[in-house]
N, C-alpha and C. Protein backbone atom coordinates (compact mmCIF):
# COMPACT_ATOMS: atom_id res chain seq x y z
N UNK A 1 5.07 -23.96 7.28
CA UNK A 1 5.87 -24.04 6.07
C UNK A 1 5.98 -22.67 5.41
N UNK A 2 4.87 -21.95 5.34
CA UNK A 2 4.87 -20.62 4.76
C UNK A 2 5.80 -19.68 5.50
N UNK A 3 5.80 -19.79 6.82
CA UNK A 3 6.68 -18.97 7.65
C UNK A 3 8.14 -19.22 7.30
N UNK A 4 8.49 -20.48 7.17
CA UNK A 4 9.88 -20.84 6.84
C UNK A 4 10.28 -20.31 5.47
N UNK A 5 9.40 -20.45 4.50
CA UNK A 5 9.68 -19.97 3.14
C UNK A 5 9.94 -18.47 3.16
N UNK A 6 9.08 -17.73 3.84
CA UNK A 6 9.20 -16.27 3.88
C UNK A 6 10.46 -15.83 4.64
N UNK A 7 10.75 -16.48 5.75
CA UNK A 7 11.96 -16.14 6.51
C UNK A 7 13.23 -16.36 5.67
N UNK A 8 13.25 -17.48 4.95
CA UNK A 8 14.42 -17.79 4.12
C UNK A 8 14.61 -16.77 3.00
N UNK A 9 13.55 -16.09 2.62
CA UNK A 9 13.63 -15.05 1.58
C UNK A 9 13.90 -13.67 2.17
N UNK A 10 14.11 -13.60 3.50
CA UNK A 10 14.47 -12.35 4.13
C UNK A 10 13.31 -11.54 4.69
N UNK A 11 12.11 -12.10 4.66
CA UNK A 11 10.98 -11.39 5.23
C UNK A 11 10.98 -11.52 6.74
N UNK A 12 10.58 -10.45 7.43
CA UNK A 12 10.38 -10.52 8.87
C UNK A 12 8.98 -11.11 9.08
N UNK A 13 8.90 -12.19 9.85
CA UNK A 13 7.63 -12.89 10.02
C UNK A 13 7.22 -12.90 11.48
N UNK A 14 5.97 -12.57 11.73
CA UNK A 14 5.38 -12.66 13.07
C UNK A 14 4.24 -13.67 12.94
N UNK A 15 4.30 -14.73 13.74
CA UNK A 15 3.28 -15.77 13.66
C UNK A 15 2.35 -15.74 14.87
N UNK A 16 1.09 -16.03 14.62
CA UNK A 16 0.11 -16.19 15.69
C UNK A 16 -0.71 -17.43 15.38
N UNK A 17 -1.45 -17.91 16.39
CA UNK A 17 -2.16 -19.17 16.20
C UNK A 17 -3.66 -19.02 15.96
N UNK A 18 -4.20 -17.82 16.18
CA UNK A 18 -5.63 -17.65 15.94
C UNK A 18 -5.93 -16.22 15.49
N UNK A 19 -7.13 -16.04 14.95
CA UNK A 19 -7.52 -14.75 14.41
C UNK A 19 -7.64 -13.64 15.43
N UNK A 20 -8.05 -13.98 16.62
CA UNK A 20 -8.19 -12.97 17.68
C UNK A 20 -6.82 -12.39 18.05
N UNK A 21 -5.84 -13.27 18.20
CA UNK A 21 -4.48 -12.82 18.51
C UNK A 21 -3.91 -12.00 17.36
N UNK A 22 -4.22 -12.39 16.14
CA UNK A 22 -3.75 -11.63 14.98
C UNK A 22 -4.24 -10.20 15.05
N UNK A 23 -5.50 -10.00 15.41
CA UNK A 23 -6.05 -8.64 15.47
C UNK A 23 -5.43 -7.84 16.61
N UNK A 24 -5.12 -8.51 17.72
CA UNK A 24 -4.48 -7.82 18.85
C UNK A 24 -3.07 -7.39 18.45
N UNK A 25 -2.34 -8.26 17.77
CA UNK A 25 -0.95 -7.97 17.39
C UNK A 25 -0.84 -6.97 16.24
N UNK A 26 -1.92 -6.81 15.49
CA UNK A 26 -1.91 -5.93 14.32
C UNK A 26 -1.43 -4.52 14.67
N UNK A 27 -1.90 -3.99 15.79
CA UNK A 27 -1.54 -2.62 16.19
C UNK A 27 -0.04 -2.45 16.41
N UNK A 28 0.59 -3.40 17.08
CA UNK A 28 2.01 -3.22 17.37
C UNK A 28 2.93 -3.71 16.25
N UNK A 29 2.47 -4.61 15.40
CA UNK A 29 3.30 -5.12 14.32
C UNK A 29 3.19 -4.23 13.07
N UNK A 30 1.98 -3.77 12.75
CA UNK A 30 1.71 -2.95 11.57
C UNK A 30 2.41 -3.51 10.33
N UNK A 31 1.96 -4.68 9.87
CA UNK A 31 2.65 -5.38 8.78
C UNK A 31 2.39 -4.77 7.41
N UNK A 32 3.18 -5.18 6.44
CA UNK A 32 2.92 -4.84 5.04
C UNK A 32 1.98 -5.86 4.43
N UNK A 33 2.15 -7.13 4.82
CA UNK A 33 1.33 -8.22 4.27
C UNK A 33 0.90 -9.12 5.41
N UNK A 34 -0.36 -9.53 5.35
CA UNK A 34 -0.88 -10.53 6.28
C UNK A 34 -1.20 -11.77 5.46
N UNK A 35 -0.66 -12.91 5.89
CA UNK A 35 -1.01 -14.20 5.28
C UNK A 35 -1.83 -14.92 6.34
N UNK A 36 -3.13 -15.06 6.06
CA UNK A 36 -4.04 -15.62 7.06
C UNK A 36 -4.81 -16.80 6.50
N UNK A 37 -4.88 -17.84 7.29
CA UNK A 37 -5.71 -18.98 6.92
C UNK A 37 -7.17 -18.52 6.95
N UNK A 38 -7.89 -18.87 5.92
CA UNK A 38 -9.30 -18.46 5.84
C UNK A 38 -10.11 -19.05 6.99
N UNK A 39 -9.64 -20.16 7.55
CA UNK A 39 -10.41 -20.86 8.58
C UNK A 39 -9.70 -20.87 9.94
N UNK A 40 -9.10 -19.74 10.30
CA UNK A 40 -8.45 -19.63 11.61
C UNK A 40 -9.48 -19.77 12.72
N UNK A 41 -9.05 -20.30 13.88
CA UNK A 41 -9.97 -20.35 15.02
C UNK A 41 -10.21 -18.95 15.60
N UNK A 42 -11.31 -18.74 16.26
CA UNK A 42 -11.74 -17.52 16.95
C UNK A 42 -12.16 -16.41 15.99
N UNK A 43 -11.39 -16.15 14.97
CA UNK A 43 -11.72 -15.17 13.93
C UNK A 43 -11.13 -15.67 12.63
N UNK A 44 -11.94 -15.76 11.62
CA UNK A 44 -11.46 -16.31 10.35
C UNK A 44 -10.57 -15.32 9.61
N UNK A 45 -9.87 -15.82 8.62
CA UNK A 45 -9.08 -14.96 7.76
C UNK A 45 -9.97 -13.96 7.02
N UNK A 46 -11.19 -14.38 6.69
CA UNK A 46 -12.14 -13.46 6.06
C UNK A 46 -12.44 -12.28 6.99
N UNK A 47 -12.66 -12.58 8.28
CA UNK A 47 -12.93 -11.52 9.27
C UNK A 47 -11.73 -10.57 9.39
N UNK A 48 -10.54 -11.14 9.45
CA UNK A 48 -9.33 -10.33 9.55
C UNK A 48 -9.22 -9.42 8.33
N UNK A 49 -9.43 -9.99 7.16
CA UNK A 49 -9.33 -9.23 5.92
C UNK A 49 -10.33 -8.07 5.93
N UNK A 50 -11.59 -8.33 6.27
CA UNK A 50 -12.60 -7.27 6.30
C UNK A 50 -12.22 -6.16 7.27
N UNK A 51 -11.74 -6.54 8.44
CA UNK A 51 -11.40 -5.54 9.45
C UNK A 51 -10.19 -4.70 9.02
N UNK A 52 -9.18 -5.35 8.48
CA UNK A 52 -7.98 -4.64 8.03
C UNK A 52 -8.34 -3.70 6.88
N UNK A 53 -9.07 -4.20 5.90
CA UNK A 53 -9.41 -3.39 4.73
C UNK A 53 -10.39 -2.26 5.09
N UNK A 54 -11.13 -2.41 6.18
CA UNK A 54 -12.06 -1.38 6.59
C UNK A 54 -11.46 -0.33 7.52
N UNK A 55 -10.19 -0.51 7.89
CA UNK A 55 -9.53 0.41 8.81
C UNK A 55 -8.56 1.31 8.06
N UNK A 56 -8.82 2.63 7.99
CA UNK A 56 -7.95 3.53 7.23
C UNK A 56 -6.48 3.49 7.68
N UNK A 57 -6.24 3.16 8.94
CA UNK A 57 -4.85 3.10 9.43
C UNK A 57 -4.06 2.00 8.72
N UNK A 58 -4.76 0.99 8.24
CA UNK A 58 -4.08 -0.15 7.60
C UNK A 58 -4.35 -0.22 6.10
N UNK A 59 -4.58 0.94 5.49
CA UNK A 59 -4.85 1.01 4.05
C UNK A 59 -3.76 0.35 3.23
N UNK A 60 -2.53 0.44 3.69
CA UNK A 60 -1.39 -0.09 2.94
C UNK A 60 -1.28 -1.62 3.02
N UNK A 61 -1.89 -2.23 4.03
CA UNK A 61 -1.70 -3.66 4.29
C UNK A 61 -2.37 -4.50 3.19
N UNK A 62 -1.62 -5.47 2.69
CA UNK A 62 -2.16 -6.43 1.72
C UNK A 62 -2.48 -7.71 2.47
N UNK A 63 -3.54 -8.40 2.06
CA UNK A 63 -3.97 -9.62 2.75
C UNK A 63 -4.02 -10.78 1.76
N UNK A 64 -3.36 -11.86 2.14
CA UNK A 64 -3.37 -13.11 1.37
C UNK A 64 -4.13 -14.13 2.20
N UNK A 65 -5.18 -14.69 1.64
CA UNK A 65 -5.92 -15.74 2.35
C UNK A 65 -5.45 -17.10 1.86
N UNK A 66 -5.33 -18.03 2.80
CA UNK A 66 -4.88 -19.38 2.47
C UNK A 66 -5.92 -20.40 2.92
N UNK A 67 -5.84 -21.58 2.33
CA UNK A 67 -6.70 -22.70 2.73
C UNK A 67 -6.03 -23.99 2.29
N UNK A 68 -6.36 -25.05 2.99
CA UNK A 68 -5.84 -26.37 2.62
C UNK A 68 -6.44 -26.81 1.30
N UNK A 69 -5.76 -27.72 0.66
CA UNK A 69 -6.18 -28.18 -0.66
C UNK A 69 -7.60 -28.77 -0.63
N UNK A 70 -8.03 -29.34 0.50
CA UNK A 70 -9.36 -29.93 0.59
C UNK A 70 -10.39 -29.00 1.22
N UNK A 71 -9.95 -27.79 1.63
CA UNK A 71 -10.88 -26.83 2.24
C UNK A 71 -11.51 -25.97 1.14
N UNK A 72 -12.82 -25.80 1.18
CA UNK A 72 -13.47 -25.00 0.13
C UNK A 72 -13.24 -23.50 0.39
N UNK A 73 -12.43 -22.88 -0.45
CA UNK A 73 -12.15 -21.46 -0.31
C UNK A 73 -13.03 -20.71 -1.30
N UNK A 74 -13.99 -19.99 -0.77
CA UNK A 74 -14.94 -19.25 -1.59
C UNK A 74 -14.27 -17.99 -2.13
N UNK A 75 -13.91 -18.02 -3.42
CA UNK A 75 -13.19 -16.89 -4.02
C UNK A 75 -14.05 -15.63 -4.05
N UNK A 76 -15.35 -15.77 -4.19
CA UNK A 76 -16.24 -14.61 -4.18
C UNK A 76 -16.24 -13.94 -2.82
N UNK A 77 -16.31 -14.74 -1.75
CA UNK A 77 -16.26 -14.19 -0.40
C UNK A 77 -14.89 -13.55 -0.14
N UNK A 78 -13.83 -14.21 -0.60
CA UNK A 78 -12.48 -13.66 -0.42
C UNK A 78 -12.36 -12.31 -1.12
N UNK A 79 -12.89 -12.22 -2.32
CA UNK A 79 -12.85 -10.96 -3.07
C UNK A 79 -13.67 -9.88 -2.38
N UNK A 80 -14.86 -10.23 -1.92
CA UNK A 80 -15.70 -9.22 -1.26
C UNK A 80 -15.12 -8.79 0.09
N UNK A 81 -14.32 -9.65 0.71
CA UNK A 81 -13.65 -9.29 1.97
C UNK A 81 -12.46 -8.37 1.70
N UNK A 82 -12.00 -8.30 0.44
CA UNK A 82 -10.89 -7.42 0.09
C UNK A 82 -9.55 -8.13 -0.06
N UNK A 83 -9.57 -9.45 -0.13
CA UNK A 83 -8.33 -10.20 -0.24
C UNK A 83 -7.54 -9.79 -1.48
N UNK A 84 -6.24 -9.67 -1.32
CA UNK A 84 -5.37 -9.29 -2.44
C UNK A 84 -4.88 -10.51 -3.21
N UNK A 85 -4.90 -11.68 -2.57
CA UNK A 85 -4.44 -12.90 -3.24
C UNK A 85 -4.92 -14.11 -2.45
N UNK A 86 -4.89 -15.26 -3.11
CA UNK A 86 -5.27 -16.53 -2.47
C UNK A 86 -4.13 -17.52 -2.70
N UNK A 87 -3.86 -18.34 -1.69
CA UNK A 87 -2.87 -19.41 -1.79
C UNK A 87 -3.46 -20.69 -1.24
N UNK A 88 -3.20 -21.79 -1.93
CA UNK A 88 -3.63 -23.10 -1.46
C UNK A 88 -2.45 -23.83 -0.84
N UNK A 89 -2.73 -24.55 0.25
CA UNK A 89 -1.71 -25.39 0.88
C UNK A 89 -1.78 -26.77 0.25
N UNK A 90 -0.70 -27.51 0.23
CA UNK A 90 0.63 -27.19 0.73
C UNK A 90 1.28 -26.13 -0.14
N UNK A 91 2.07 -25.27 0.51
CA UNK A 91 2.70 -24.15 -0.17
C UNK A 91 3.86 -24.61 -1.04
N UNK A 92 3.92 -24.06 -2.23
CA UNK A 92 5.09 -24.21 -3.08
C UNK A 92 5.88 -22.92 -2.93
N UNK A 93 7.14 -23.03 -2.56
CA UNK A 93 7.95 -21.86 -2.21
C UNK A 93 7.91 -20.77 -3.27
N UNK A 94 8.09 -21.12 -4.53
CA UNK A 94 8.15 -20.09 -5.59
C UNK A 94 6.81 -19.36 -5.72
N UNK A 95 5.71 -20.06 -5.54
CA UNK A 95 4.40 -19.43 -5.64
C UNK A 95 4.16 -18.48 -4.46
N UNK A 96 4.57 -18.90 -3.27
CA UNK A 96 4.43 -18.03 -2.09
C UNK A 96 5.23 -16.75 -2.30
N UNK A 97 6.47 -16.88 -2.73
CA UNK A 97 7.34 -15.71 -2.93
C UNK A 97 6.79 -14.83 -4.06
N UNK A 98 6.39 -15.47 -5.17
CA UNK A 98 5.85 -14.70 -6.30
C UNK A 98 4.55 -13.98 -5.95
N UNK A 99 3.85 -14.48 -4.95
CA UNK A 99 2.61 -13.84 -4.50
C UNK A 99 2.89 -12.73 -3.49
N UNK A 100 3.72 -13.02 -2.52
CA UNK A 100 3.94 -12.09 -1.40
C UNK A 100 4.86 -10.93 -1.76
N UNK A 101 5.92 -11.18 -2.51
CA UNK A 101 6.90 -10.12 -2.79
C UNK A 101 6.27 -8.88 -3.45
N UNK A 102 5.51 -9.01 -4.56
CA UNK A 102 4.93 -7.80 -5.15
C UNK A 102 3.91 -7.11 -4.24
N UNK A 103 3.22 -7.89 -3.42
CA UNK A 103 2.27 -7.29 -2.49
C UNK A 103 3.01 -6.50 -1.41
N UNK A 104 4.13 -7.04 -0.94
CA UNK A 104 4.93 -6.33 0.07
C UNK A 104 5.49 -5.04 -0.52
N UNK A 105 5.96 -5.09 -1.77
CA UNK A 105 6.49 -3.89 -2.41
C UNK A 105 5.39 -2.85 -2.59
N UNK A 106 4.20 -3.28 -3.03
CA UNK A 106 3.08 -2.34 -3.20
C UNK A 106 2.67 -1.74 -1.85
N UNK A 107 2.71 -2.55 -0.80
CA UNK A 107 2.36 -2.05 0.54
C UNK A 107 3.36 -1.01 1.01
N UNK A 108 4.65 -1.26 0.77
CA UNK A 108 5.67 -0.28 1.16
C UNK A 108 5.50 1.02 0.39
N UNK A 109 5.21 0.92 -0.90
CA UNK A 109 4.96 2.13 -1.69
C UNK A 109 3.74 2.88 -1.16
N UNK A 110 2.69 2.15 -0.86
CA UNK A 110 1.47 2.78 -0.34
C UNK A 110 1.74 3.42 1.01
N UNK A 111 2.52 2.76 1.83
CA UNK A 111 2.86 3.30 3.16
C UNK A 111 3.62 4.62 3.00
N UNK A 112 4.59 4.65 2.08
CA UNK A 112 5.35 5.88 1.84
C UNK A 112 4.44 6.97 1.29
N UNK A 113 3.54 6.58 0.39
CA UNK A 113 2.62 7.55 -0.20
C UNK A 113 1.72 8.16 0.87
N UNK A 114 1.24 7.35 1.79
CA UNK A 114 0.37 7.83 2.86
C UNK A 114 1.12 8.79 3.79
N UNK A 115 2.43 8.61 3.91
CA UNK A 115 3.22 9.44 4.81
C UNK A 115 3.54 10.81 4.22
N UNK A 116 3.33 10.95 2.90
CA UNK A 116 3.64 12.22 2.26
C UNK A 116 2.60 13.26 2.61
N UNK A 117 3.02 14.52 2.74
CA UNK A 117 2.03 15.57 2.99
C UNK A 117 1.13 15.73 1.78
N UNK A 118 -0.13 15.97 2.05
CA UNK A 118 -1.09 16.13 0.97
C UNK A 118 -1.12 17.59 0.54
N UNK A 119 -0.94 17.81 -0.74
CA UNK A 119 -1.00 19.17 -1.27
C UNK A 119 -2.45 19.59 -1.42
N UNK A 120 -2.70 20.87 -1.28
CA UNK A 120 -4.06 21.37 -1.47
C UNK A 120 -4.50 21.11 -2.90
N UNK A 121 -5.72 20.64 -3.07
CA UNK A 121 -6.24 20.35 -4.40
C UNK A 121 -6.52 21.64 -5.16
N UNK A 122 -6.93 22.68 -4.46
CA UNK A 122 -7.24 23.93 -5.12
C UNK A 122 -6.17 24.97 -4.78
N UNK A 123 -5.73 25.72 -5.78
CA UNK A 123 -4.72 26.75 -5.49
C UNK A 123 -5.33 27.87 -4.68
N UNK A 124 -4.46 28.53 -3.93
CA UNK A 124 -4.89 29.68 -3.14
C UNK A 124 -5.41 30.75 -4.07
N UNK A 125 -6.51 31.41 -3.73
CA UNK A 125 -6.99 32.49 -4.59
C UNK A 125 -5.99 33.65 -4.58
N UNK A 126 -5.74 34.19 -5.73
CA UNK A 126 -4.80 35.29 -5.87
C UNK A 126 -5.58 36.61 -5.91
N UNK A 127 -5.07 37.62 -5.24
CA UNK A 127 -5.76 38.91 -5.30
C UNK A 127 -5.73 39.43 -6.74
N UNK A 128 -6.83 40.02 -7.16
CA UNK A 128 -6.85 40.55 -8.53
C UNK A 128 -6.03 41.84 -8.56
N UNK A 129 -5.32 41.98 -9.65
CA UNK A 129 -4.44 43.14 -9.77
C UNK A 129 -5.20 44.29 -10.42
N UNK A 130 -5.11 45.42 -9.80
CA UNK A 130 -5.70 46.61 -10.42
C UNK A 130 -4.63 47.27 -11.26
N UNK A 131 -5.00 48.09 -12.23
CA UNK A 131 -3.97 48.70 -13.07
C UNK A 131 -2.93 49.46 -12.27
N UNK A 132 -3.33 50.04 -11.13
CA UNK A 132 -2.36 50.82 -10.35
C UNK A 132 -1.37 49.92 -9.63
N UNK A 133 -1.76 48.65 -9.31
CA UNK A 133 -0.88 47.83 -8.49
C UNK A 133 -0.03 46.86 -9.29
N UNK A 134 -0.15 46.85 -10.60
CA UNK A 134 0.66 45.90 -11.37
C UNK A 134 2.12 46.30 -11.28
N UNK A 135 2.98 45.26 -11.11
CA UNK A 135 4.41 45.53 -10.98
C UNK A 135 5.05 45.58 -12.35
N UNK A 136 6.19 46.20 -12.46
CA UNK A 136 6.88 46.24 -13.75
C UNK A 136 7.37 44.84 -14.11
N UNK A 137 7.83 44.67 -15.31
CA UNK A 137 8.36 43.39 -15.79
C UNK A 137 9.42 42.86 -14.82
N UNK A 138 9.46 41.52 -14.69
CA UNK A 138 10.49 40.92 -13.85
C UNK A 138 11.84 41.00 -14.56
N UNK A 139 12.89 41.21 -13.77
CA UNK A 139 14.23 41.23 -14.37
C UNK A 139 14.64 39.81 -14.69
N UNK A 140 15.64 39.67 -15.51
CA UNK A 140 16.16 38.36 -15.88
C UNK A 140 16.63 37.60 -14.65
N UNK A 141 17.27 38.26 -13.70
CA UNK A 141 17.75 37.62 -12.47
C UNK A 141 16.56 37.10 -11.66
N UNK A 142 15.46 37.88 -11.59
CA UNK A 142 14.28 37.43 -10.85
C UNK A 142 13.63 36.23 -11.53
N UNK A 143 13.57 36.25 -12.85
CA UNK A 143 13.02 35.12 -13.60
C UNK A 143 13.85 33.86 -13.33
N UNK A 144 15.16 34.00 -13.29
CA UNK A 144 16.03 32.85 -13.03
C UNK A 144 15.84 32.32 -11.62
N UNK A 145 15.64 33.22 -10.64
CA UNK A 145 15.38 32.78 -9.25
C UNK A 145 14.05 32.01 -9.18
N UNK A 146 13.02 32.52 -9.87
CA UNK A 146 11.72 31.83 -9.88
C UNK A 146 11.89 30.45 -10.53
N UNK A 147 12.60 30.41 -11.66
CA UNK A 147 12.83 29.13 -12.34
C UNK A 147 13.57 28.16 -11.43
N UNK A 148 14.58 28.63 -10.70
CA UNK A 148 15.34 27.78 -9.78
C UNK A 148 14.44 27.27 -8.66
N UNK A 149 13.57 28.13 -8.15
CA UNK A 149 12.66 27.71 -7.09
C UNK A 149 11.69 26.64 -7.59
N UNK A 150 11.18 26.82 -8.81
CA UNK A 150 10.27 25.82 -9.40
C UNK A 150 11.00 24.51 -9.61
N UNK A 151 12.24 24.59 -10.10
CA UNK A 151 13.04 23.38 -10.31
C UNK A 151 13.28 22.64 -9.00
N UNK A 152 13.61 23.36 -7.94
CA UNK A 152 13.81 22.73 -6.63
C UNK A 152 12.53 22.06 -6.14
N UNK A 153 11.40 22.74 -6.32
CA UNK A 153 10.12 22.17 -5.88
C UNK A 153 9.81 20.89 -6.64
N UNK A 154 10.05 20.89 -7.95
CA UNK A 154 9.81 19.68 -8.74
C UNK A 154 10.76 18.56 -8.35
N UNK A 155 12.04 18.90 -8.13
CA UNK A 155 13.01 17.89 -7.69
C UNK A 155 12.58 17.25 -6.37
N UNK A 156 12.07 18.07 -5.46
CA UNK A 156 11.63 17.55 -4.16
C UNK A 156 10.39 16.67 -4.31
N UNK A 157 9.51 17.01 -5.25
CA UNK A 157 8.26 16.27 -5.42
C UNK A 157 8.43 15.00 -6.26
N UNK A 158 9.50 14.91 -7.04
CA UNK A 158 9.69 13.81 -7.98
C UNK A 158 9.64 12.42 -7.34
N UNK A 159 10.32 12.14 -6.22
CA UNK A 159 10.23 10.79 -5.64
C UNK A 159 8.80 10.39 -5.30
N UNK A 160 8.03 11.31 -4.77
CA UNK A 160 6.64 11.00 -4.43
C UNK A 160 5.83 10.72 -5.69
N UNK A 161 6.09 11.49 -6.75
CA UNK A 161 5.36 11.27 -8.01
C UNK A 161 5.73 9.91 -8.59
N UNK A 162 7.00 9.54 -8.52
CA UNK A 162 7.44 8.23 -9.02
C UNK A 162 6.78 7.12 -8.22
N UNK A 163 6.75 7.25 -6.88
CA UNK A 163 6.10 6.24 -6.04
C UNK A 163 4.62 6.11 -6.39
N UNK A 164 3.95 7.22 -6.58
CA UNK A 164 2.52 7.22 -6.90
C UNK A 164 2.26 6.52 -8.24
N UNK A 165 3.04 6.86 -9.24
CA UNK A 165 2.86 6.25 -10.56
C UNK A 165 3.17 4.76 -10.49
N UNK A 166 4.25 4.40 -9.81
CA UNK A 166 4.61 2.99 -9.66
C UNK A 166 3.50 2.20 -8.99
N UNK A 167 2.92 2.75 -7.92
CA UNK A 167 1.82 2.09 -7.23
C UNK A 167 0.65 1.85 -8.18
N UNK A 168 0.30 2.85 -8.96
CA UNK A 168 -0.83 2.70 -9.89
C UNK A 168 -0.52 1.67 -10.98
N UNK A 169 0.70 1.63 -11.46
CA UNK A 169 1.08 0.64 -12.47
C UNK A 169 1.02 -0.77 -11.87
N UNK A 170 1.53 -0.94 -10.64
CA UNK A 170 1.49 -2.26 -9.99
C UNK A 170 0.05 -2.72 -9.80
N UNK A 171 -0.83 -1.82 -9.39
CA UNK A 171 -2.24 -2.17 -9.20
C UNK A 171 -2.85 -2.56 -10.54
N UNK A 172 -2.57 -1.80 -11.60
CA UNK A 172 -3.11 -2.12 -12.91
C UNK A 172 -2.60 -3.46 -13.41
N UNK A 173 -1.31 -3.74 -13.20
CA UNK A 173 -0.74 -5.03 -13.62
C UNK A 173 -1.37 -6.17 -12.86
N UNK A 174 -1.63 -5.97 -11.57
CA UNK A 174 -2.26 -7.02 -10.75
C UNK A 174 -3.66 -7.34 -11.29
N UNK A 175 -4.38 -6.31 -11.72
CA UNK A 175 -5.73 -6.51 -12.24
C UNK A 175 -5.72 -7.26 -13.56
N UNK A 176 -4.62 -7.15 -14.32
CA UNK A 176 -4.51 -7.86 -15.59
C UNK A 176 -4.27 -9.35 -15.42
N UNK A 177 -3.73 -9.75 -14.27
CA UNK A 177 -3.40 -11.17 -14.05
C UNK A 177 -4.62 -12.00 -13.94
């Protein structure tokens, strides 16, 4: 049912029948969100969650654990495994979408953020200027070229900064729920 709900909302869905197969497929699918039954055969959803959250390659992946209405889902264990959300079956379409959509968006933002080159945290040391080596004042044209270069660098960095801030806001909002 969950698969049908997600497909109808435009999500690409890959289904497997057990936890072992899920882990094998993880490498080639590289999903944004995993929706796993906590009590899958061969490997539980808790196991999948721990392995995914412990693997730096899948830092962006969000994990939703599910369980039947009569199955005891230990929220403490789910939290310690790193689960991003919990869903109880039978699935209500609006709840599934309201749960998965923001997680998929956060995963995509995180994936883009991880793909960005990391800037050096410390600036390059500058040679100290001796009185003999100091250059004369910069001309107005040189100042304008420097300003243009700085503006271009900021323009290029702006999308990454927006993604980073958005990711942090989404995480903070999730913690408030």
